[in-house]
């Protein structure tokens, strides 16, 4: 009976490593085919890793909180089968131990060769390529005061040159040794950054300084802000440590504000026809389709149709290039039971019927609440919608979900008296009204385009046919 390697599977195109959160099995335990062995986390989503064979675990190669590159052997199973299925979804079986297994990451003593960043001269206009950093590396960097600029120039020894735990620890140790020498290196980095190029290769104004250690955006005469005063803890207080996802959200939001020039526009829409139509069909819809019809898929259908007319809203910025996305993949911000936020993506939203959108919204929402989203479920978004009205807010000023260039917020639907033009003259009627807001990246979306797009979304909401036969759109 063979020994089978359990390999950390590919979890998405942009995911190169994962953090082990929990082992459900230990050495000597028996496992069934497709039984969950461990939980892992990436910068996108948490996932469960199943067993590829039936057998007994003979060796576990990584401990909890270890950062493991994709494709690495993480455990060995003594198979009780003569043949191993060669094809298992999202899992690769390897017969020989990988190099990553032999060189397992550990807190080893600092070697003679220590990764020291290359600091470009002031007169160089090199644009630095954006890199991926694991949550563990980012956490160590933040705790030790290592800036994003420094991380960009640390030579990584991991897969595809990625920075490992060993690399960041070695860099920090070396930084403490050289002391004052590193201070001059930091000044050189700041001078280069102030010259007009940020860590993602995006041109910024020379007077805009972003301190990645403190998360501050300020305008000054080439000088950093002083560290904010410490919070005075007194009286009846409680200190809570941010969980892993909240830390990732916090960083993502601060990075977005630094990356994009945010502008927010507002419009008001009369959605009475949508309310009337939903009330009319909701019972038959649920009986026929097995799911409830909510406003969300109705809104998404309208938004997707308008996005087809505004390709610039459905784009991304990379340096001085605009990347137009041909696919319309709408992310919907979803609150988790923990209070955190995640954005599952509806792929090809403009090609789905109202029934297809309803099922996609329902399935992704259930998966998010039960922590069952796959990494692919949160990738590939081109535009994001957040429904702040669900929690009672009339309107909001959302932060752009990078690398997108716009995010739309839906406010609460409220009945109000409104002046309506009728064939017999103006009349005051009770209508279902809602505010719609959109934050967009002013680097490529001007106020005219952003406002016109938002106005067209409102018009599409208002033009909803209250007598529409939904079953014709299957």
Protein backbone atom coordinates (compact mmCIF):
# COMPACT_ATOMS: atom_id res chain seq x y z
CA UNK A 1 0.00 0.00 0.00
CA UNK A 2 1.57 3.32 -1.10
CA UNK A 3 2.33 6.47 0.84
CA UNK A 4 0.43 9.35 -0.82
CA UNK A 5 1.48 13.00 -0.56
CA UNK A 6 -1.24 15.49 0.33
CA UNK A 7 -0.40 18.63 -1.65
CA UNK A 8 -1.66 22.15 -0.93
CA UNK A 9 -3.87 22.68 -4.00
CA UNK A 10 -4.08 25.65 -6.32
CA UNK A 11 -6.64 28.02 -4.83
CA UNK A 12 -6.84 30.68 -7.53
CA UNK A 13 -4.72 32.38 -10.16
CA UNK A 14 -3.33 35.10 -7.88
CA UNK A 15 -2.92 32.97 -4.73
CA UNK A 16 0.60 31.63 -4.22
CA UNK A 17 0.56 30.62 -0.55
CA UNK A 18 -1.80 29.96 2.35
CA UNK A 19 -1.78 29.95 6.15
CA UNK A 20 -2.69 26.75 8.01
CA UNK A 21 -5.46 27.60 10.48
CA UNK A 22 -6.38 24.22 11.96
CA UNK A 23 -5.66 20.52 11.57
CA UNK A 24 -8.80 18.39 11.99
CA UNK A 25 -6.71 15.21 12.04
CA UNK A 26 -3.49 14.14 13.74
CA UNK A 27 -0.85 11.51 12.99
CA UNK A 28 -2.37 8.05 13.29
CA UNK A 29 -5.92 9.14 12.52
CA UNK A 30 -7.79 7.46 9.69
CA UNK A 31 -9.37 9.58 6.96
CA UNK A 32 -11.97 8.94 4.31
CA UNK A 33 -11.87 10.12 0.71
CA UNK A 34 -12.90 13.82 0.51
CA UNK A 35 -12.99 14.12 4.32
CA UNK A 36 -11.77 17.51 5.57
CA UNK A 37 -8.24 17.29 6.97
CA UNK A 38 -7.36 20.93 7.62
CA UNK A 39 -8.53 24.54 7.29
CA UNK A 40 -6.38 27.10 5.48
CA UNK A 41 -6.63 30.85 4.90
CA UNK A 42 -5.51 33.06 2.03
CA UNK A 43 -5.74 36.80 1.58
CA UNK A 44 -9.10 36.18 -0.13
CA UNK A 45 -11.05 33.54 1.76
CA UNK A 46 -10.84 30.59 4.15
CA UNK A 47 -11.07 27.07 2.71
CA UNK A 48 -11.21 23.44 3.77
CA UNK A 49 -8.73 20.94 2.30
CA UNK A 50 -10.09 17.41 1.84
CA UNK A 51 -8.21 14.13 1.71
CA UNK A 52 -7.45 12.81 -1.76
CA UNK A 53 -7.44 9.18 -0.63
CA UNK A 54 -8.69 6.88 2.09
CA UNK A 55 -6.04 5.87 4.60
CA UNK A 56 -4.11 6.72 7.75
CA UNK A 57 -2.13 9.93 8.31
CA UNK A 58 1.52 9.02 8.88
CA UNK A 59 3.09 12.48 8.90
CA UNK A 60 2.04 16.14 9.21
CA UNK A 61 4.73 18.44 7.81
CA UNK A 62 3.52 21.90 8.85
CA UNK A 63 2.17 23.27 12.10
CA UNK A 64 -0.72 25.67 12.63
CA UNK A 65 0.03 29.28 11.49
CA UNK A 66 2.68 28.08 9.02
CA UNK A 67 2.79 29.87 5.66
CA UNK A 68 2.87 27.22 2.92
CA UNK A 69 3.46 27.80 -0.83
CA UNK A 70 0.94 26.34 -3.26
CA UNK A 71 2.00 22.89 -4.49
CA UNK A 72 3.84 21.99 -1.28
CA UNK A 73 3.42 18.58 0.36
CA UNK A 74 1.72 19.24 3.70
CA UNK A 75 1.03 15.70 4.93
CA UNK A 76 1.54 12.02 4.07
CA UNK A 77 -1.19 9.40 4.05
CA UNK A 78 -0.74 5.63 4.10
CA UNK A 79 -3.30 4.73 1.48
CA UNK A 80 -5.57 1.74 1.89
CA UNK A 81 -6.15 1.67 -1.85
CA UNK A 82 -4.00 0.05 -4.49
CA UNK A 83 -4.58 2.89 -6.96
CA UNK A 84 -4.92 6.59 -6.28
CA UNK A 85 -7.36 8.54 -8.36
CA UNK A 86 -5.16 10.66 -10.62
CA UNK A 87 -7.72 13.44 -10.94
CA UNK A 88 -9.23 15.08 -7.89
CA UNK A 89 -10.72 18.60 -8.10
CA UNK A 90 -8.35 21.31 -6.87
CA UNK A 91 -5.77 18.77 -5.59
CA UNK A 92 -2.52 17.52 -7.09
CA UNK A 93 -0.92 14.24 -5.97
CA UNK A 94 2.87 14.07 -6.14
CA UNK A 95 5.00 10.94 -5.69
CA UNK A 96 8.23 12.68 -4.74
CA UNK A 97 8.68 15.20 -1.90
CA UNK A 98 8.92 18.76 -3.15
CA UNK A 99 11.83 21.10 -2.52
CA UNK A 100 9.60 23.22 -0.32
CA UNK A 101 9.09 20.21 1.97
CA UNK A 102 12.81 19.64 2.32
CA UNK A 103 13.41 23.31 3.02
CA UNK A 104 10.45 23.81 5.36
CA UNK A 105 10.23 27.39 6.68
CA UNK A 106 11.35 27.74 10.29
CA UNK A 107 12.83 30.39 12.51
CA UNK A 108 16.44 29.62 11.74
CA UNK A 109 19.43 31.70 12.86
CA UNK A 110 20.28 34.61 10.60
CA UNK A 111 22.67 33.50 7.88
CA UNK A 112 25.58 35.50 6.50
CA UNK A 113 23.65 36.45 3.37
CA UNK A 114 20.90 38.79 4.52
CA UNK A 115 18.34 40.33 2.19
CA UNK A 116 19.12 44.06 1.95
CA UNK A 117 16.87 46.26 -0.18
CA UNK A 118 18.14 47.99 -3.28
CA UNK A 119 17.31 51.68 -3.01
CA UNK A 120 16.82 53.45 -6.37
CA UNK A 121 18.53 56.79 -6.79
CA UNK A 122 16.49 59.99 -6.85
CA UNK A 123 17.03 60.44 -10.57
CA UNK A 124 15.76 56.97 -11.46
CA UNK A 125 12.17 56.73 -12.73
CA UNK A 126 11.87 53.00 -12.17
CA UNK A 127 8.30 51.88 -11.52
CA UNK A 128 8.23 49.16 -8.89
CA UNK A 129 6.06 46.13 -9.56
CA UNK A 130 3.32 45.45 -7.00
CA UNK A 131 3.92 42.25 -5.02
CA UNK A 132 1.78 39.88 -2.97
CA UNK A 133 2.53 39.53 0.74
CA UNK A 134 1.02 36.88 2.98
CA UNK A 135 -1.00 37.96 6.05
CA UNK A 136 1.78 36.68 8.34
CA UNK A 137 4.48 38.69 6.55
CA UNK A 138 2.29 41.83 6.62
CA UNK A 139 1.59 41.36 10.32
CA UNK A 140 5.29 40.99 11.16
CA UNK A 141 6.15 44.02 9.01
CA UNK A 142 3.54 46.20 10.69
CA UNK A 143 4.56 45.12 14.19
CA UNK A 144 8.26 45.77 13.46
CA UNK A 145 7.76 49.05 11.60
CA UNK A 146 8.81 47.80 8.16
CA UNK A 147 7.23 50.03 5.53
CA UNK A 148 5.68 48.91 2.25
CA UNK A 149 8.53 50.65 0.42
CA UNK A 150 11.07 48.48 2.23
CA UNK A 151 9.07 45.31 1.53
CA UNK A 152 9.16 46.07 -2.19
CA UNK A 153 12.96 45.79 -2.21
CA UNK A 154 13.48 42.76 0.05
CA UNK A 155 14.68 39.76 -1.94
CA UNK A 156 12.35 36.84 -1.31
CA UNK A 157 13.43 33.20 -1.26
CA UNK A 158 9.92 31.74 -1.55
CA UNK A 159 7.99 30.59 -4.59
CA UNK A 160 8.41 33.04 -7.50
CA UNK A 161 10.53 35.29 -5.31
CA UNK A 162 7.90 35.84 -2.64
CA UNK A 163 8.97 37.01 0.81
CA UNK A 164 8.74 34.29 3.45
CA UNK A 165 8.66 34.51 7.23
CA UNK A 166 12.38 33.72 7.29
CA UNK A 167 13.14 36.57 4.86
CA UNK A 168 11.28 39.24 6.85
CA UNK A 169 12.80 38.08 10.15
CA UNK A 170 16.28 38.14 8.61
CA UNK A 171 15.71 41.64 7.24
CA UNK A 172 14.45 42.95 10.59
CA UNK A 173 17.44 41.45 12.43
CA UNK A 174 19.84 43.02 9.96
CA UNK A 175 18.05 46.35 10.19
CA UNK A 176 18.54 46.41 13.95
CA UNK A 177 22.24 45.62 13.56
CA UNK A 178 23.06 48.32 11.05
CA UNK A 179 20.96 50.89 12.92
CA UNK A 180 21.88 54.32 11.69
CA UNK A 181 22.86 53.01 8.24
CA UNK A 182 19.31 51.80 7.68
CA UNK A 183 18.02 55.21 8.74
CA UNK A 184 19.77 56.78 5.76
CA UNK A 185 18.34 54.04 3.54
CA UNK A 186 14.85 54.87 4.79
CA UNK A 187 15.42 58.51 3.95
CA UNK A 188 16.49 57.52 0.45
CA UNK A 189 13.26 55.54 0.02
CA UNK A 190 11.18 58.48 1.23
CA UNK A 191 12.96 60.86 -1.13
CA UNK A 192 12.22 58.53 -4.04
CA UNK A 193 8.61 58.17 -2.93
CA UNK A 194 8.17 61.93 -2.54
CA UNK A 195 9.52 62.42 -6.06
CA UNK A 196 6.20 61.21 -7.42
CA UNK A 197 6.06 57.40 -7.72
CA UNK A 198 4.33 55.18 -5.17
CA UNK A 199 4.96 51.51 -4.44
CA UNK A 200 2.43 50.39 -7.06
CA UNK A 201 3.97 52.42 -9.85
CA UNK A 202 1.21 55.03 -9.86
CA UNK A 203 2.17 58.68 -10.27
CA UNK A 204 1.10 60.87 -7.36
CA UNK A 205 1.48 64.54 -6.52
CA UNK A 206 4.88 65.39 -5.02
CA UNK A 207 3.18 66.92 -1.98
CA UNK A 208 1.18 63.79 -1.19
CA UNK A 209 2.88 61.59 1.37
CA UNK A 210 1.53 58.27 2.57
CA UNK A 211 3.10 56.68 5.60
CA UNK A 212 2.41 52.97 5.22
CA UNK A 213 3.36 52.31 8.84
CA UNK A 214 0.84 54.76 10.27
CA UNK A 215 -1.82 54.56 7.53
CA UNK A 216 -1.97 58.31 7.11
CA UNK A 217 -2.61 60.38 4.01
CA UNK A 218 -1.53 63.98 4.30
CA UNK A 219 -0.33 66.95 2.30
CA UNK A 220 2.83 68.64 3.60
CA UNK A 221 6.13 70.10 2.53
CA UNK A 222 7.95 66.78 2.15
CA UNK A 223 7.67 65.94 5.83
CA UNK A 224 5.98 63.10 7.69
CA UNK A 225 3.29 63.56 10.28
CA UNK A 226 4.25 62.80 13.83
CA UNK A 227 2.96 59.56 15.27
CA UNK A 228 -0.62 59.97 16.57
CA UNK A 229 -0.96 60.27 20.30
CA UNK A 230 -1.57 57.01 22.11
CA UNK A 231 -5.11 56.38 23.30
CA UNK A 232 -5.41 56.97 27.01
CA UNK A 233 -7.06 53.86 28.44
CA UNK A 234 -8.94 54.65 31.61
CA UNK A 235 -12.28 53.96 33.24
CA UNK A 236 -14.51 51.15 31.99
CA UNK A 237 -12.86 50.04 28.76
CA UNK A 238 -12.22 46.81 26.92
CA UNK A 239 -9.42 46.13 24.43
CA UNK A 240 -10.19 43.73 21.58
CA UNK A 241 -7.62 42.29 19.20
CA UNK A 242 -8.61 42.54 15.54
CA UNK A 243 -9.15 39.15 13.95
CA UNK A 244 -7.29 38.18 10.79
CA UNK A 245 -10.07 39.20 8.40
CA UNK A 246 -10.63 42.57 10.07
CA UNK A 247 -6.92 43.35 9.71
CA UNK A 248 -7.08 42.49 6.00
CA UNK A 249 -10.18 44.66 5.53
CA UNK A 250 -8.54 47.56 7.35
CA UNK A 251 -5.45 47.39 5.18
CA UNK A 252 -7.51 47.00 1.99
CA UNK A 253 -9.56 50.10 2.80
CA UNK A 254 -6.56 52.29 3.69
CA UNK A 255 -4.69 51.15 0.58
CA UNK A 256 -7.73 51.99 -1.57
CA UNK A 257 -7.98 55.54 -0.22
CA UNK A 258 -4.28 55.99 -0.94
CA UNK A 259 -4.49 54.50 -4.44
CA UNK A 260 -7.61 56.14 -5.89
CA UNK A 261 -8.81 59.75 -5.93
CA UNK A 262 -12.26 59.14 -4.45
CA UNK A 263 -15.29 61.18 -5.56
CA UNK A 264 -18.88 60.35 -4.59
CA UNK A 265 -22.05 61.36 -6.47
CA UNK A 266 -25.69 60.92 -5.39
CA UNK A 267 -29.06 60.56 -7.12
CA UNK A 268 -32.58 59.75 -5.96
CA UNK A 269 -34.71 57.11 -7.68
CA UNK A 270 -38.41 56.34 -7.60
CA UNK A 271 -38.53 52.53 -7.29
CA UNK A 272 -42.28 52.23 -6.82
CA UNK A 273 -42.67 50.03 -9.92
CA UNK A 274 -40.03 47.62 -8.59
CA UNK A 275 -41.78 47.39 -5.21
CA UNK A 276 -45.18 46.83 -6.84
CA UNK A 277 -43.81 44.14 -9.20
CA UNK A 278 -42.02 42.26 -6.43
CA UNK A 279 -45.10 42.26 -4.20
CA UNK A 280 -47.11 40.90 -7.13
CA UNK A 281 -44.83 37.98 -8.06
CA UNK A 282 -42.98 37.02 -4.87
CA UNK A 283 -45.29 34.18 -3.81
CA UNK A 284 -45.45 32.57 -7.25
CA UNK A 285 -41.71 33.12 -7.73
CA UNK A 286 -40.83 31.33 -4.49
CA UNK A 287 -43.26 28.49 -5.24
CA UNK A 288 -41.92 27.97 -8.75
CA UNK A 289 -38.17 28.57 -8.21
CA UNK A 290 -37.77 27.49 -4.58
CA UNK A 291 -36.13 30.78 -3.56
CA UNK A 292 -37.39 34.20 -2.51
CA UNK A 293 -37.18 37.12 -4.91
CA UNK A 294 -35.38 40.07 -3.28
CA UNK A 295 -34.59 43.54 -4.58
CA UNK A 296 -30.89 42.73 -4.99
CA UNK A 297 -31.12 40.69 -8.24
CA UNK A 298 -33.53 43.29 -9.64
CA UNK A 299 -31.05 46.06 -8.94
CA UNK A 300 -28.14 44.01 -10.31
CA UNK A 301 -29.96 43.35 -13.60
CA UNK A 302 -30.45 47.09 -14.13
CA UNK A 303 -26.90 47.99 -13.11
CA UNK A 304 -25.38 45.33 -15.39
CA UNK A 305 -27.35 46.64 -18.38
CA UNK A 306 -26.11 50.21 -17.76
CA UNK A 307 -22.51 49.01 -17.27
CA UNK A 308 -22.57 47.71 -20.85
CA UNK A 309 -22.95 51.31 -22.00
CA UNK A 310 -20.10 52.64 -19.81
CA UNK A 311 -16.99 50.47 -20.32
CA UNK A 312 -14.81 52.98 -18.46
CA UNK A 313 -16.74 52.32 -15.24
CA UNK A 314 -16.02 48.61 -15.70
CA UNK A 315 -12.23 48.98 -15.81
CA UNK A 316 -9.02 49.10 -13.78
CA UNK A 317 -5.93 51.31 -13.71
CA UNK A 318 -2.38 49.96 -13.89
CA UNK A 319 0.25 52.69 -13.87
CA UNK A 320 -0.73 54.99 -16.73
CA UNK A 321 -2.75 52.30 -18.53
CA UNK A 322 -6.52 51.77 -18.43
CA UNK A 323 -7.61 48.12 -18.59
CA UNK A 324 -11.13 47.80 -20.00
CA UNK A 325 -12.90 44.65 -18.77
CA UNK A 326 -15.11 42.97 -21.37
CA UNK A 327 -16.77 40.74 -18.77
CA UNK A 328 -19.21 42.27 -16.31
CA UNK A 329 -18.60 40.54 -12.99
CA UNK A 330 -20.45 42.29 -10.18
CA UNK A 331 -19.31 41.83 -6.60
CA UNK A 332 -21.93 42.16 -3.88
CA UNK A 333 -20.68 43.22 -0.47
CA UNK A 334 -21.99 40.70 2.07
CA UNK A 335 -21.94 40.99 5.85
CA UNK A 336 -20.76 37.90 7.73
CA UNK A 337 -22.13 36.74 11.11
CA UNK A 338 -18.85 37.92 12.67
CA UNK A 339 -19.55 41.47 11.51
CA UNK A 340 -16.80 41.34 8.89
CA UNK A 341 -17.37 41.92 5.19
CA UNK A 342 -16.68 39.80 2.13
CA UNK A 343 -17.42 40.40 -1.56
CA UNK A 344 -18.50 37.31 -3.54
CA UNK A 345 -18.68 37.89 -7.29
CA UNK A 346 -21.48 37.12 -9.77
CA UNK A 347 -19.69 36.27 -13.02
CA UNK A 348 -21.29 37.41 -16.29
CA UNK A 349 -24.08 39.27 -14.50
CA UNK A 350 -25.23 40.94 -17.73
CA UNK A 351 -25.92 37.52 -19.28
CA UNK A 352 -28.14 36.18 -16.48
CA UNK A 353 -31.93 36.36 -16.29
CA UNK A 354 -33.72 37.60 -13.20
CA UNK A 355 -34.04 33.96 -12.13
CA UNK A 356 -30.34 33.28 -12.72
CA UNK A 357 -29.35 36.38 -10.79
CA UNK A 358 -31.68 35.45 -7.92
CA UNK A 359 -30.16 31.99 -7.62
CA UNK A 360 -26.60 33.34 -7.85
CA UNK A 361 -27.27 35.96 -5.17
CA UNK A 362 -28.98 33.44 -2.91
CA UNK A 363 -26.31 30.74 -3.28
CA UNK A 364 -23.39 33.12 -2.70
CA UNK A 365 -25.06 34.73 0.31
CA UNK A 366 -25.70 31.33 1.94
CA UNK A 367 -22.14 30.19 1.21
CA UNK A 368 -20.75 33.41 2.71
CA UNK A 369 -22.80 33.10 5.90
CA UNK A 370 -21.72 29.47 6.33
CA UNK A 371 -18.06 30.18 5.51
CA UNK A 372 -18.26 27.92 2.46
CA UNK A 373 -17.09 30.31 -0.26
CA UNK A 374 -14.41 29.02 -2.61
CA UNK A 375 -11.46 31.31 -3.50
CA UNK A 376 -12.85 31.61 -7.04
CA UNK A 377 -16.11 33.02 -5.61
CA UNK A 378 -14.35 36.23 -4.55
CA UNK A 379 -12.10 36.75 -7.56
CA UNK A 380 -12.49 38.49 -10.90
CA UNK A 381 -14.87 41.28 -9.86
CA UNK A 382 -15.05 44.30 -12.17
CA UNK A 383 -17.62 46.41 -10.27
CA UNK A 384 -19.03 46.27 -6.73
CA UNK A 385 -22.47 46.97 -5.28
CA UNK A 386 -23.11 47.40 -1.56
CA UNK A 387 -26.63 47.58 -0.12
CA UNK A 388 -26.30 49.91 2.86
CA UNK A 389 -30.10 50.21 2.96
CA UNK A 390 -30.28 46.69 4.38
CA UNK A 391 -29.08 48.14 7.68
CA UNK A 392 -31.31 51.22 7.54
CA UNK A 393 -28.90 53.74 5.99
CA UNK A 394 -30.41 56.24 3.57
CA UNK A 395 -27.14 56.64 1.67
CA UNK A 396 -23.40 56.00 1.94
CA UNK A 397 -19.98 56.97 0.62
CA UNK A 398 -18.38 53.56 0.00
CA UNK A 399 -14.65 52.97 -0.52
CA UNK A 400 -13.62 51.54 -3.89
CA UNK A 401 -12.82 47.83 -3.95
CA UNK A 402 -9.39 47.77 -5.59
CA UNK A 403 -8.38 47.29 -8.36
CA UNK A 404 -11.83 48.40 -9.56
CA UNK A 405 -12.60 52.06 -10.24
CA UNK A 406 -16.14 52.39 -8.87
CA UNK A 407 -18.52 51.08 -6.22
CA UNK A 408 -22.26 51.74 -6.00
CA UNK A 409 -24.23 51.97 -2.74
CA UNK A 410 -27.98 51.33 -2.51
CA UNK A 411 -29.85 53.17 0.24
CA UNK A 412 -32.97 52.18 2.14
CA UNK A 413 -36.32 52.30 0.34
CA UNK A 414 -38.63 54.79 2.06
CA UNK A 415 -42.18 55.91 1.31
CA UNK A 416 -42.37 59.69 0.92
CA UNK A 417 -44.71 62.30 -0.58
CA UNK A 418 -43.28 63.31 -3.95
CA UNK A 419 -44.35 65.78 -6.62
CA UNK A 420 -45.16 63.73 -9.75
CA UNK A 421 -45.96 65.06 -13.20
CA UNK A 422 -49.24 63.62 -14.56
CA UNK A 423 -51.19 64.29 -17.78
CA UNK A 424 -53.55 66.46 -15.74
CA UNK A 425 -50.78 68.37 -13.99
CA UNK A 426 -48.50 68.03 -10.99
CA UNK A 427 -49.68 65.90 -8.08
CA UNK A 428 -48.32 64.97 -4.69
CA UNK A 429 -48.24 61.18 -4.39
CA UNK A 430 -46.79 58.70 -1.94
CA UNK A 431 -43.92 56.93 -3.71
CA UNK A 432 -41.19 54.44 -2.77
CA UNK A 433 -37.94 56.42 -2.98
CA UNK A 434 -34.30 55.53 -2.47
CA UNK A 435 -30.92 57.26 -2.72
CA UNK A 436 -28.17 55.77 -4.85
CA UNK A 437 -24.55 56.84 -4.43
CA UNK A 438 -21.37 55.90 -6.25
CA UNK A 439 -17.74 56.45 -5.34
CA UNK A 440 -15.43 56.44 -8.34
CA UNK A 441 -11.77 56.92 -9.18
CA UNK A 442 -11.35 60.48 -10.41
CA UNK A 443 -8.09 59.58 -12.14
CA UNK A 444 -10.06 58.17 -15.07
CA UNK A 445 -13.76 58.73 -14.27
CA UNK A 446 -14.67 62.41 -14.37
CA UNK A 447 -17.67 63.88 -12.60
CA UNK A 448 -19.66 64.13 -15.82
CA UNK A 449 -19.28 60.43 -16.63
CA UNK A 450 -19.81 59.28 -13.04
CA UNK A 451 -22.93 61.42 -12.61
CA UNK A 452 -24.39 60.40 -15.98
CA UNK A 453 -23.85 56.71 -15.25
CA UNK A 454 -25.55 57.08 -11.88
CA UNK A 455 -28.46 58.99 -13.40
CA UNK A 456 -28.93 56.25 -16.03
CA UNK A 457 -28.98 53.61 -13.29
CA UNK A 458 -31.76 55.56 -11.53
CA UNK A 459 -33.71 55.89 -14.80
CA UNK A 460 -33.41 52.13 -15.38
CA UNK A 461 -34.76 51.47 -11.88
CA UNK A 462 -37.69 53.81 -12.53
CA UNK A 463 -38.40 52.24 -15.94
CA UNK A 464 -38.99 48.78 -14.45
CA UNK A 465 -42.16 47.29 -15.94
CA UNK A 466 -44.63 46.68 -13.11
CA UNK A 467 -46.52 44.24 -15.38
CA UNK A 468 -43.46 42.27 -16.45
CA UNK A 469 -43.90 38.52 -16.92
CA UNK A 470 -40.75 37.23 -15.24
CA UNK A 471 -41.11 33.62 -16.41
CA UNK A 472 -40.53 34.75 -19.98
CA UNK A 473 -36.93 35.52 -19.01
CA UNK A 474 -35.92 31.96 -18.04
